[in-house]
Amino acid sequence: MDVHLRPPETSDAEVHYRYPPQASIARMYGAGAGALPKPTMARSSEWLAWIMGQSYGAMIDVDGEPVGHVRLHSLSKADRKARLAIGLFSEAMLGRGVGRRAITLCLDHAFGPMGLHRVDLRVLAFNTRAIRCYLACGFHHEGTERDAALIDGVWHDDWIMGILAHEHQRRAAAGIVNT
């Protein structure tokens, strides 16, 4: 399986439109039941413009097909840090190593050409699949924001996870890759 990152293209809005929002994936972002937006080309075009407007937004391709996106946002040039977010379009891509490989490629860019010192992220504490992925990519659990998300009337914690440039570089030098 060939996973690579590339800049977003106008045709990606059509691909996004073809994948209607899935409740299980939306829940991991913090969406409640019944909160799924209706798929429209206008919504997908707005989504693409939003991705293109990020500090670093890339499409995730698997064997030449776009299957999701990864982005670095909340960039602080003074502190040389950014926040990572990733999203796959379909449950069919989950559990296949796509996210791990895409995150590793994104971190290579963050700690290489972008010259960042730190990348962090937030993840809902119940999203164990994502947490396992982030740990496998070298992120560390740095703290918990208690009762940070109200989903369907229930409070949930957010984990804050981070990785530093030297940690990522040490993993790369040791041959720890996520393919």
N, C-alpha and C. Protein backbone atom coordinates (compact mmCIF):
# COMPACT_ATOMS: atom_id res chain seq x y z
N MET A 1 0.86 -1.18 0.00
CA MET A 1 0.00 0.00 0.00
C MET A 1 0.90 1.24 0.00
N ASP A 2 0.72 2.09 -1.00
CA ASP A 2 1.52 3.30 -1.15
C ASP A 2 0.73 4.48 -0.57
N VAL A 3 1.22 5.01 0.55
CA VAL A 3 0.59 6.18 1.19
C VAL A 3 1.51 7.37 1.00
N HIS A 4 0.96 8.45 0.46
CA HIS A 4 1.75 9.67 0.36
C HIS A 4 0.85 10.88 0.55
N LEU A 5 1.48 12.02 0.81
CA LEU A 5 0.77 13.28 1.00
C LEU A 5 1.02 14.15 -0.23
N ARG A 6 0.01 14.94 -0.56
CA ARG A 6 0.13 15.86 -1.68
C ARG A 6 -0.72 17.09 -1.42
N PRO A 7 -0.42 18.18 -2.11
CA PRO A 7 -1.25 19.39 -1.94
C PRO A 7 -2.69 19.13 -2.40
N PRO A 8 -3.65 19.79 -1.77
CA PRO A 8 -5.03 19.65 -2.22
C PRO A 8 -5.22 20.18 -3.64
N GLU A 9 -6.15 19.57 -4.36
CA GLU A 9 -6.49 19.96 -5.72
C GLU A 9 -7.99 20.23 -5.78
N THR A 10 -8.42 21.00 -6.76
CA THR A 10 -9.85 21.33 -6.86
C THR A 10 -10.72 20.08 -7.00
N SER A 11 -10.20 19.03 -7.64
CA SER A 11 -10.98 17.79 -7.81
C SER A 11 -11.23 17.07 -6.48
N ASP A 12 -10.49 17.44 -5.42
CA ASP A 12 -10.69 16.78 -4.12
C ASP A 12 -12.05 17.09 -3.51
N ALA A 13 -12.66 18.20 -3.90
CA ALA A 13 -14.01 18.51 -3.41
C ALA A 13 -14.99 17.44 -3.87
N GLU A 14 -14.85 16.97 -5.10
CA GLU A 14 -15.73 15.91 -5.62
C GLU A 14 -15.53 14.61 -4.84
N VAL A 15 -14.29 14.28 -4.55
CA VAL A 15 -14.00 13.06 -3.79
C VAL A 15 -14.64 13.18 -2.40
N HIS A 16 -14.44 14.31 -1.74
CA HIS A 16 -15.03 14.54 -0.42
C HIS A 16 -16.55 14.38 -0.48
N TYR A 17 -17.16 14.90 -1.52
CA TYR A 17 -18.62 14.81 -1.68
C TYR A 17 -19.08 13.36 -1.80
N ARG A 18 -18.29 12.53 -2.46
CA ARG A 18 -18.67 11.12 -2.67
C ARG A 18 -18.64 10.30 -1.38
N TYR A 19 -17.99 10.82 -0.33
CA TYR A 19 -17.94 10.12 0.95
C TYR A 19 -18.86 10.83 1.93
N PRO A 20 -20.11 10.40 2.06
CA PRO A 20 -20.98 11.08 3.01
C PRO A 20 -20.46 10.92 4.44
N PRO A 21 -20.69 11.90 5.29
CA PRO A 21 -20.22 11.80 6.68
C PRO A 21 -20.71 10.52 7.34
N GLN A 22 -19.83 9.87 8.09
CA GLN A 22 -20.16 8.64 8.79
C GLN A 22 -20.22 8.93 10.28
N ALA A 23 -21.28 8.45 10.91
CA ALA A 23 -21.52 8.74 12.33
C ALA A 23 -20.35 8.30 13.21
N SER A 24 -19.79 7.13 12.94
CA SER A 24 -18.71 6.63 13.81
C SER A 24 -17.47 7.53 13.72
N ILE A 25 -17.16 8.03 12.54
CA ILE A 25 -16.00 8.91 12.39
C ILE A 25 -16.31 10.27 12.99
N ALA A 26 -17.51 10.81 12.70
CA ALA A 26 -17.88 12.13 13.23
C ALA A 26 -17.88 12.14 14.75
N ARG A 27 -18.27 11.04 15.37
CA ARG A 27 -18.28 10.97 16.84
C ARG A 27 -16.87 11.14 17.40
N MET A 28 -15.86 10.62 16.72
CA MET A 28 -14.49 10.75 17.20
C MET A 28 -13.99 12.19 17.10
N TYR A 29 -14.67 13.01 16.30
CA TYR A 29 -14.39 14.45 16.24
C TYR A 29 -15.18 15.22 17.28
N GLY A 30 -16.15 14.54 17.92
CA GLY A 30 -16.95 15.21 18.93
C GLY A 30 -18.36 15.54 18.50
N ALA A 31 -18.79 15.03 17.36
CA ALA A 31 -20.16 15.29 16.89
C ALA A 31 -21.14 14.39 17.64
N GLY A 32 -22.26 14.93 17.98
CA GLY A 32 -23.30 14.16 18.64
C GLY A 32 -24.18 13.43 17.65
N ALA A 33 -25.05 12.58 18.18
CA ALA A 33 -25.99 11.85 17.33
C ALA A 33 -26.87 12.85 16.59
N GLY A 34 -27.10 12.57 15.35
CA GLY A 34 -27.95 13.45 14.55
C GLY A 34 -27.28 14.73 14.11
N ALA A 35 -25.98 14.87 14.34
CA ALA A 35 -25.29 16.11 13.99
C ALA A 35 -24.57 16.02 12.65
N LEU A 36 -24.84 14.98 11.88
CA LEU A 36 -24.15 14.82 10.60
C LEU A 36 -24.69 15.80 9.58
N PRO A 37 -23.80 16.55 8.94
CA PRO A 37 -24.25 17.47 7.90
C PRO A 37 -24.66 16.71 6.65
N LYS A 38 -25.56 17.29 5.90
CA LYS A 38 -25.96 16.68 4.63
C LYS A 38 -24.85 16.92 3.60
N PRO A 39 -24.48 15.88 2.84
CA PRO A 39 -23.44 16.07 1.83
C PRO A 39 -23.97 16.92 0.67
N THR A 40 -23.26 17.98 0.38
CA THR A 40 -23.55 18.82 -0.79
C THR A 40 -22.22 19.22 -1.41
N MET A 41 -22.23 19.55 -2.68
CA MET A 41 -20.99 20.00 -3.33
C MET A 41 -20.54 21.33 -2.73
N ALA A 42 -21.48 22.18 -2.33
CA ALA A 42 -21.12 23.45 -1.72
C ALA A 42 -20.36 23.21 -0.41
N ARG A 43 -20.86 22.27 0.39
CA ARG A 43 -20.18 21.93 1.66
C ARG A 43 -18.78 21.40 1.38
N SER A 44 -18.65 20.52 0.38
CA SER A 44 -17.34 19.95 0.06
C SER A 44 -16.39 21.00 -0.50
N SER A 45 -16.90 21.94 -1.27
CA SER A 45 -16.06 23.03 -1.78
C SER A 45 -15.59 23.93 -0.65
N GLU A 46 -16.45 24.19 0.32
CA GLU A 46 -16.06 24.99 1.50
C GLU A 46 -15.00 24.24 2.31
N TRP A 47 -15.19 22.94 2.46
CA TRP A 47 -14.21 22.12 3.18
C TRP A 47 -12.85 22.22 2.51
N LEU A 48 -12.81 22.08 1.18
CA LEU A 48 -11.55 22.12 0.46
C LEU A 48 -10.87 23.49 0.61
N ALA A 49 -11.64 24.55 0.52
CA ALA A 49 -11.07 25.90 0.70
C ALA A 49 -10.48 26.03 2.10
N TRP A 50 -11.15 25.46 3.09
CA TRP A 50 -10.68 25.49 4.47
C TRP A 50 -9.35 24.74 4.60
N ILE A 51 -9.26 23.54 4.00
CA ILE A 51 -8.01 22.76 4.04
C ILE A 51 -6.88 23.55 3.37
N MET A 52 -7.18 24.15 2.24
CA MET A 52 -6.17 24.91 1.50
C MET A 52 -5.69 26.14 2.28
N GLY A 53 -6.53 26.62 3.19
CA GLY A 53 -6.18 27.80 3.98
C GLY A 53 -5.38 27.52 5.24
N GLN A 54 -5.07 26.27 5.50
CA GLN A 54 -4.32 25.90 6.71
C GLN A 54 -2.83 26.18 6.51
N SER A 55 -2.10 26.28 7.62
CA SER A 55 -0.65 26.46 7.56
C SER A 55 -0.02 25.37 6.69
N TYR A 56 -0.46 24.15 6.89
CA TYR A 56 -0.03 23.02 6.09
C TYR A 56 -1.21 22.08 6.01
N GLY A 57 -1.80 21.99 4.85
CA GLY A 57 -2.91 21.06 4.63
C GLY A 57 -2.56 20.16 3.47
N ALA A 58 -2.69 18.87 3.65
CA ALA A 58 -2.33 17.92 2.60
C ALA A 58 -3.40 16.84 2.49
N MET A 59 -3.54 16.34 1.30
CA MET A 59 -4.41 15.20 1.07
C MET A 59 -3.60 13.93 1.30
N ILE A 60 -4.27 12.92 1.81
CA ILE A 60 -3.67 11.60 1.99
C ILE A 60 -4.13 10.75 0.82
N ASP A 61 -3.17 10.28 0.03
CA ASP A 61 -3.48 9.39 -1.08
C ASP A 61 -3.00 7.99 -0.73
N VAL A 62 -3.82 7.01 -1.08
CA VAL A 62 -3.45 5.61 -0.97
C VAL A 62 -3.56 5.01 -2.36
N ASP A 63 -2.45 4.55 -2.86
CA ASP A 63 -2.40 3.98 -4.21
C ASP A 63 -3.04 4.91 -5.23
N GLY A 64 -2.76 6.21 -5.09
CA GLY A 64 -3.23 7.21 -6.04
C GLY A 64 -4.63 7.74 -5.82
N GLU A 65 -5.31 7.27 -4.79
CA GLU A 65 -6.68 7.72 -4.51
C GLU A 65 -6.73 8.54 -3.22
N PRO A 66 -7.35 9.72 -3.22
CA PRO A 66 -7.47 10.50 -1.98
C PRO A 66 -8.41 9.80 -0.99
N VAL A 67 -7.93 9.65 0.25
CA VAL A 67 -8.72 8.95 1.27
C VAL A 67 -8.90 9.77 2.54
N GLY A 68 -8.32 10.97 2.59
CA GLY A 68 -8.43 11.80 3.78
C GLY A 68 -7.49 12.98 3.70
N HIS A 69 -7.32 13.63 4.83
CA HIS A 69 -6.44 14.80 4.89
C HIS A 69 -5.70 14.84 6.22
N VAL A 70 -4.59 15.55 6.21
CA VAL A 70 -3.84 15.82 7.43
C VAL A 70 -3.46 17.30 7.37
N ARG A 71 -3.43 17.95 8.51
CA ARG A 71 -3.10 19.37 8.50
C ARG A 71 -2.39 19.76 9.78
N LEU A 72 -1.60 20.80 9.64
CA LEU A 72 -0.99 21.46 10.79
C LEU A 72 -1.63 22.83 10.88
N HIS A 73 -2.14 23.16 12.03
CA HIS A 73 -2.83 24.44 12.22
C HIS A 73 -2.35 25.08 13.51
N SER A 74 -2.89 26.24 13.81
CA SER A 74 -2.50 26.98 15.01
C SER A 74 -0.99 27.17 15.06
N LEU A 75 -0.41 27.45 13.93
CA LEU A 75 1.04 27.61 13.82
C LEU A 75 1.51 28.83 14.61
N SER A 76 2.53 28.63 15.43
CA SER A 76 3.21 29.71 16.13
C SER A 76 4.65 29.73 15.65
N LYS A 77 4.96 30.70 14.79
CA LYS A 77 6.33 30.80 14.28
C LYS A 77 7.31 31.14 15.40
N ALA A 78 6.89 31.98 16.33
CA ALA A 78 7.77 32.38 17.43
C ALA A 78 8.15 31.19 18.30
N ASP A 79 7.20 30.30 18.53
CA ASP A 79 7.45 29.13 19.38
C ASP A 79 7.77 27.87 18.57
N ARG A 80 7.76 28.00 17.26
CA ARG A 80 8.04 26.88 16.35
C ARG A 80 7.21 25.65 16.71
N LYS A 81 5.89 25.86 16.76
CA LYS A 81 5.00 24.74 17.06
C LYS A 81 3.72 24.85 16.25
N ALA A 82 3.04 23.73 16.14
CA ALA A 82 1.76 23.66 15.45
C ALA A 82 0.95 22.52 16.04
N ARG A 83 -0.32 22.48 15.70
CA ARG A 83 -1.23 21.42 16.14
C ARG A 83 -1.60 20.56 14.94
N LEU A 84 -1.59 19.26 15.13
CA LEU A 84 -1.90 18.30 14.08
C LEU A 84 -3.36 17.87 14.16
N ALA A 85 -3.96 17.70 12.99
CA ALA A 85 -5.29 17.09 12.89
C ALA A 85 -5.30 16.20 11.66
N ILE A 86 -6.02 15.11 11.75
CA ILE A 86 -6.08 14.16 10.64
C ILE A 86 -7.51 13.65 10.53
N GLY A 87 -7.93 13.37 9.31
CA GLY A 87 -9.26 12.81 9.11
C GLY A 87 -9.27 11.91 7.88
N LEU A 88 -9.81 10.73 8.05
CA LEU A 88 -9.99 9.82 6.93
C LEU A 88 -11.46 9.85 6.52
N PHE A 89 -11.72 9.69 5.23
CA PHE A 89 -13.07 9.83 4.70
C PHE A 89 -13.97 8.65 5.02
N SER A 90 -13.40 7.47 5.20
CA SER A 90 -14.21 6.26 5.30
C SER A 90 -13.68 5.32 6.36
N GLU A 91 -14.60 4.61 7.00
CA GLU A 91 -14.22 3.58 7.97
C GLU A 91 -13.36 2.50 7.32
N ALA A 92 -13.50 2.31 6.02
CA ALA A 92 -12.74 1.28 5.31
C ALA A 92 -11.24 1.52 5.40
N MET A 93 -10.82 2.74 5.65
CA MET A 93 -9.39 3.06 5.75
C MET A 93 -8.85 2.90 7.17
N LEU A 94 -9.72 2.75 8.14
CA LEU A 94 -9.29 2.64 9.53
C LEU A 94 -8.64 1.29 9.79
N GLY A 95 -7.62 1.29 10.64
CA GLY A 95 -6.98 0.05 11.06
C GLY A 95 -6.05 -0.56 10.02
N ARG A 96 -5.68 0.20 9.00
CA ARG A 96 -4.82 -0.32 7.93
C ARG A 96 -3.44 0.34 7.92
N GLY A 97 -3.16 1.21 8.89
CA GLY A 97 -1.87 1.88 8.96
C GLY A 97 -1.79 3.15 8.14
N VAL A 98 -2.88 3.55 7.51
CA VAL A 98 -2.90 4.75 6.68
C VAL A 98 -2.63 5.98 7.53
N GLY A 99 -3.32 6.09 8.65
CA GLY A 99 -3.14 7.24 9.53
C GLY A 99 -1.73 7.33 10.08
N ARG A 100 -1.18 6.21 10.53
CA ARG A 100 0.19 6.21 11.06
C ARG A 100 1.19 6.68 10.01
N ARG A 101 1.06 6.18 8.80
CA ARG A 101 2.00 6.58 7.74
C ARG A 101 1.84 8.05 7.39
N ALA A 102 0.58 8.51 7.29
CA ALA A 102 0.32 9.92 6.96
C ALA A 102 0.87 10.85 8.04
N ILE A 103 0.68 10.47 9.30
CA ILE A 103 1.18 11.30 10.41
C ILE A 103 2.71 11.35 10.38
N THR A 104 3.36 10.21 10.14
CA THR A 104 4.82 10.19 10.06
C THR A 104 5.31 11.10 8.95
N LEU A 105 4.67 11.06 7.79
CA LEU A 105 5.06 11.93 6.67
C LEU A 105 4.84 13.40 7.03
N CYS A 106 3.75 13.69 7.71
CA CYS A 106 3.46 15.06 8.13
C CYS A 106 4.51 15.54 9.14
N LEU A 107 4.88 14.68 10.08
CA LEU A 107 5.90 15.04 11.06
C LEU A 107 7.26 15.23 10.39
N ASP A 108 7.56 14.42 9.37
CA ASP A 108 8.80 14.62 8.62
C ASP A 108 8.84 16.03 8.04
N HIS A 109 7.70 16.50 7.54
CA HIS A 109 7.63 17.84 6.96
C HIS A 109 7.70 18.91 8.07
N ALA A 110 6.98 18.67 9.16
CA ALA A 110 6.94 19.65 10.26
C ALA A 110 8.33 19.86 10.85
N PHE A 111 9.05 18.78 11.08
CA PHE A 111 10.35 18.87 11.73
C PHE A 111 11.49 19.02 10.73
N GLY A 112 11.18 18.92 9.45
CA GLY A 112 12.16 19.13 8.39
C GLY A 112 11.99 20.52 7.80
N PRO A 113 11.36 20.62 6.63
CA PRO A 113 11.24 21.91 5.95
C PRO A 113 10.60 23.03 6.77
N MET A 114 9.62 22.71 7.61
CA MET A 114 8.97 23.76 8.39
C MET A 114 9.82 24.21 9.58
N GLY A 115 10.75 23.37 10.01
CA GLY A 115 11.64 23.73 11.12
C GLY A 115 10.94 23.87 12.46
N LEU A 116 9.86 23.11 12.67
CA LEU A 116 9.15 23.19 13.95
C LEU A 116 9.92 22.45 15.04
N HIS A 117 9.65 22.84 16.27
CA HIS A 117 10.24 22.19 17.44
C HIS A 117 9.24 21.24 18.09
N ARG A 118 7.95 21.54 17.94
CA ARG A 118 6.91 20.79 18.66
C ARG A 118 5.66 20.68 17.80
N VAL A 119 5.02 19.53 17.87
CA VAL A 119 3.70 19.32 17.28
C VAL A 119 2.86 18.67 18.36
N ASP A 120 1.68 19.22 18.56
CA ASP A 120 0.77 18.60 19.54
C ASP A 120 -0.57 18.35 18.89
N LEU A 121 -1.46 17.75 19.66
CA LEU A 121 -2.81 17.46 19.18
C LEU A 121 -3.72 17.30 20.38
N ARG A 122 -5.00 17.31 20.09
CA ARG A 122 -6.02 17.01 21.09
C ARG A 122 -6.82 15.83 20.57
N VAL A 123 -7.19 14.94 21.47
CA VAL A 123 -7.98 13.77 21.08
C VAL A 123 -8.93 13.44 22.22
N LEU A 124 -10.16 13.11 21.88
CA LEU A 124 -11.12 12.71 22.90
C LEU A 124 -10.62 11.43 23.57
N ALA A 125 -10.69 11.39 24.88
CA ALA A 125 -10.12 10.28 25.65
C ALA A 125 -10.75 8.93 25.30
N PHE A 126 -11.98 8.93 24.78
CA PHE A 126 -12.60 7.65 24.42
C PHE A 126 -12.18 7.16 23.03
N ASN A 127 -11.42 7.95 22.30
CA ASN A 127 -11.00 7.58 20.94
C ASN A 127 -9.72 6.73 21.02
N THR A 128 -9.88 5.52 21.52
CA THR A 128 -8.72 4.66 21.78
C THR A 128 -7.98 4.28 20.51
N ARG A 129 -8.68 4.13 19.40
CA ARG A 129 -8.01 3.78 18.14
C ARG A 129 -7.02 4.89 17.77
N ALA A 130 -7.47 6.14 17.83
CA ALA A 130 -6.60 7.27 17.50
C ALA A 130 -5.45 7.39 18.50
N ILE A 131 -5.74 7.19 19.77
CA ILE A 131 -4.69 7.29 20.79
C ILE A 131 -3.60 6.25 20.54
N ARG A 132 -3.99 5.03 20.21
CA ARG A 132 -2.99 3.99 19.89
C ARG A 132 -2.13 4.42 18.69
N CYS A 133 -2.78 5.01 17.69
CA CYS A 133 -2.06 5.49 16.51
C CYS A 133 -1.06 6.57 16.90
N TYR A 134 -1.50 7.56 17.68
CA TYR A 134 -0.63 8.66 18.06
C TYR A 134 0.55 8.17 18.91
N LEU A 135 0.29 7.25 19.81
CA LEU A 135 1.38 6.67 20.61
C LEU A 135 2.37 5.94 19.70
N ALA A 136 1.87 5.21 18.72
CA ALA A 136 2.74 4.48 17.80
C ALA A 136 3.59 5.44 16.96
N CYS A 137 3.10 6.66 16.78
CA CYS A 137 3.84 7.68 16.01
C CYS A 137 4.81 8.47 16.89
N GLY A 138 4.85 8.16 18.19
CA GLY A 138 5.81 8.81 19.07
C GLY A 138 5.26 9.93 19.93
N PHE A 139 3.97 10.21 19.83
CA PHE A 139 3.38 11.24 20.69
C PHE A 139 3.33 10.75 22.13
N HIS A 140 3.38 11.70 23.07
CA HIS A 140 3.29 11.40 24.49
C HIS A 140 2.03 12.06 25.05
N HIS A 141 1.39 11.36 25.97
CA HIS A 141 0.25 11.94 26.68
C HIS A 141 0.80 12.97 27.66
N GLU A 142 0.46 14.23 27.45
CA GLU A 142 1.02 15.30 28.27
C GLU A 142 0.04 15.82 29.32
N GLY A 143 -1.21 15.55 29.12
CA GLY A 143 -2.17 16.04 30.09
C GLY A 143 -3.60 15.74 29.65
N THR A 144 -4.50 16.00 30.56
CA THR A 144 -5.91 15.77 30.30
C THR A 144 -6.69 17.02 30.64
N GLU A 145 -7.49 17.45 29.71
CA GLU A 145 -8.44 18.53 29.98
C GLU A 145 -9.77 17.86 30.32
N ARG A 146 -10.10 17.92 31.60
CA ARG A 146 -11.28 17.21 32.08
C ARG A 146 -12.56 17.89 31.60
N ASP A 147 -13.56 17.05 31.30
CA ASP A 147 -14.88 17.54 30.88
C ASP A 147 -14.77 18.65 29.84
N ALA A 148 -14.00 18.39 28.80
CA ALA A 148 -13.74 19.41 27.78
C ALA A 148 -14.75 19.40 26.65
N ALA A 149 -15.46 18.31 26.47
CA ALA A 149 -16.40 18.20 25.34
C ALA A 149 -17.73 17.65 25.82
N LEU A 150 -18.79 18.36 25.51
CA LEU A 150 -20.15 17.92 25.84
C LEU A 150 -20.76 17.30 24.59
N ILE A 151 -20.93 15.98 24.62
CA ILE A 151 -21.44 15.25 23.46
C ILE A 151 -22.70 14.51 23.89
N ASP A 152 -23.81 14.86 23.27
CA ASP A 152 -25.10 14.23 23.58
C ASP A 152 -25.39 14.25 25.08
N GLY A 153 -25.09 15.36 25.72
CA GLY A 153 -25.41 15.54 27.13
C GLY A 153 -24.43 14.91 28.11
N VAL A 154 -23.34 14.35 27.61
CA VAL A 154 -22.35 13.69 28.46
C VAL A 154 -21.00 14.39 28.27
N TRP A 155 -20.33 14.68 29.39
CA TRP A 155 -19.01 15.31 29.34
C TRP A 155 -17.93 14.27 29.08
N HIS A 156 -16.95 14.66 28.25
CA HIS A 156 -15.83 13.78 27.93
C HIS A 156 -14.53 14.56 28.06
N ASP A 157 -13.48 13.84 28.46
CA ASP A 157 -12.15 14.44 28.59
C ASP A 157 -11.47 14.51 27.23
N ASP A 158 -10.57 15.48 27.11
CA ASP A 158 -9.67 15.61 25.98
C ASP A 158 -8.27 15.31 26.46
N TRP A 159 -7.55 14.52 25.69
CA TRP A 159 -6.14 14.31 25.96
C TRP A 159 -5.34 15.31 25.13
N ILE A 160 -4.29 15.83 25.71
CA ILE A 160 -3.33 16.64 24.99
C ILE A 160 -2.10 15.75 24.82
N MET A 161 -1.66 15.60 23.58
CA MET A 161 -0.51 14.76 23.27
C MET A 161 0.48 15.59 22.45
N GLY A 162 1.76 15.32 22.61
CA GLY A 162 2.75 16.08 21.87
C GLY A 162 3.98 15.26 21.55
N ILE A 163 4.73 15.76 20.57
CA ILE A 163 6.00 15.17 20.18
C ILE A 163 6.95 16.32 19.84
N LEU A 164 8.21 16.15 20.20
CA LEU A 164 9.24 17.15 19.94
C LEU A 164 10.12 16.69 18.78
N ALA A 165 10.75 17.65 18.12
CA ALA A 165 11.57 17.35 16.94
C ALA A 165 12.61 16.28 17.23
N HIS A 166 13.33 16.41 18.35
CA HIS A 166 14.39 15.43 18.62
C HIS A 166 13.83 14.03 18.87
N GLU A 167 12.61 13.93 19.40
CA GLU A 167 12.00 12.62 19.61
C GLU A 167 11.67 11.96 18.27
N HIS A 168 11.12 12.74 17.37
CA HIS A 168 10.80 12.22 16.04
C HIS A 168 12.07 11.82 15.29
N GLN A 169 13.08 12.67 15.37
CA GLN A 169 14.35 12.39 14.68
C GLN A 169 15.03 11.15 15.26
N ARG A 170 14.94 10.98 16.57
CA ARG A 170 15.53 9.79 17.21
C ARG A 170 14.83 8.52 16.72
N ARG A 171 13.51 8.59 16.59
CA ARG A 171 12.75 7.44 16.07
C ARG A 171 13.17 7.11 14.64
N ALA A 172 13.32 8.17 13.83
CA ALA A 172 13.71 7.97 12.43
C ALA A 172 15.11 7.36 12.34
N ALA A 173 16.04 7.88 13.17
CA ALA A 173 17.42 7.37 13.17
C ALA A 173 17.46 5.91 13.62
N ALA A 174 16.56 5.53 14.51
CA ALA A 174 16.51 4.15 15.00
C ALA A 174 15.78 3.22 14.04
N GLY A 175 15.26 3.80 12.95
CA GLY A 175 14.56 2.97 11.97
C GLY A 175 13.13 2.64 12.37
N ILE A 176 12.58 3.40 13.31
CA ILE A 176 11.18 3.18 13.73
C ILE A 176 10.31 3.96 12.75
N VAL A 177 9.74 3.25 11.81
CA VAL A 177 8.89 3.89 10.81
C VAL A 177 7.51 3.25 10.86
N ASN A 178 6.55 4.02 10.48
CA ASN A 178 5.16 3.54 10.47
C ASN A 178 4.72 3.39 9.03
N THR A 179 4.91 2.20 8.50
CA THR A 179 4.51 1.95 7.12
C THR A 179 3.26 1.12 7.03
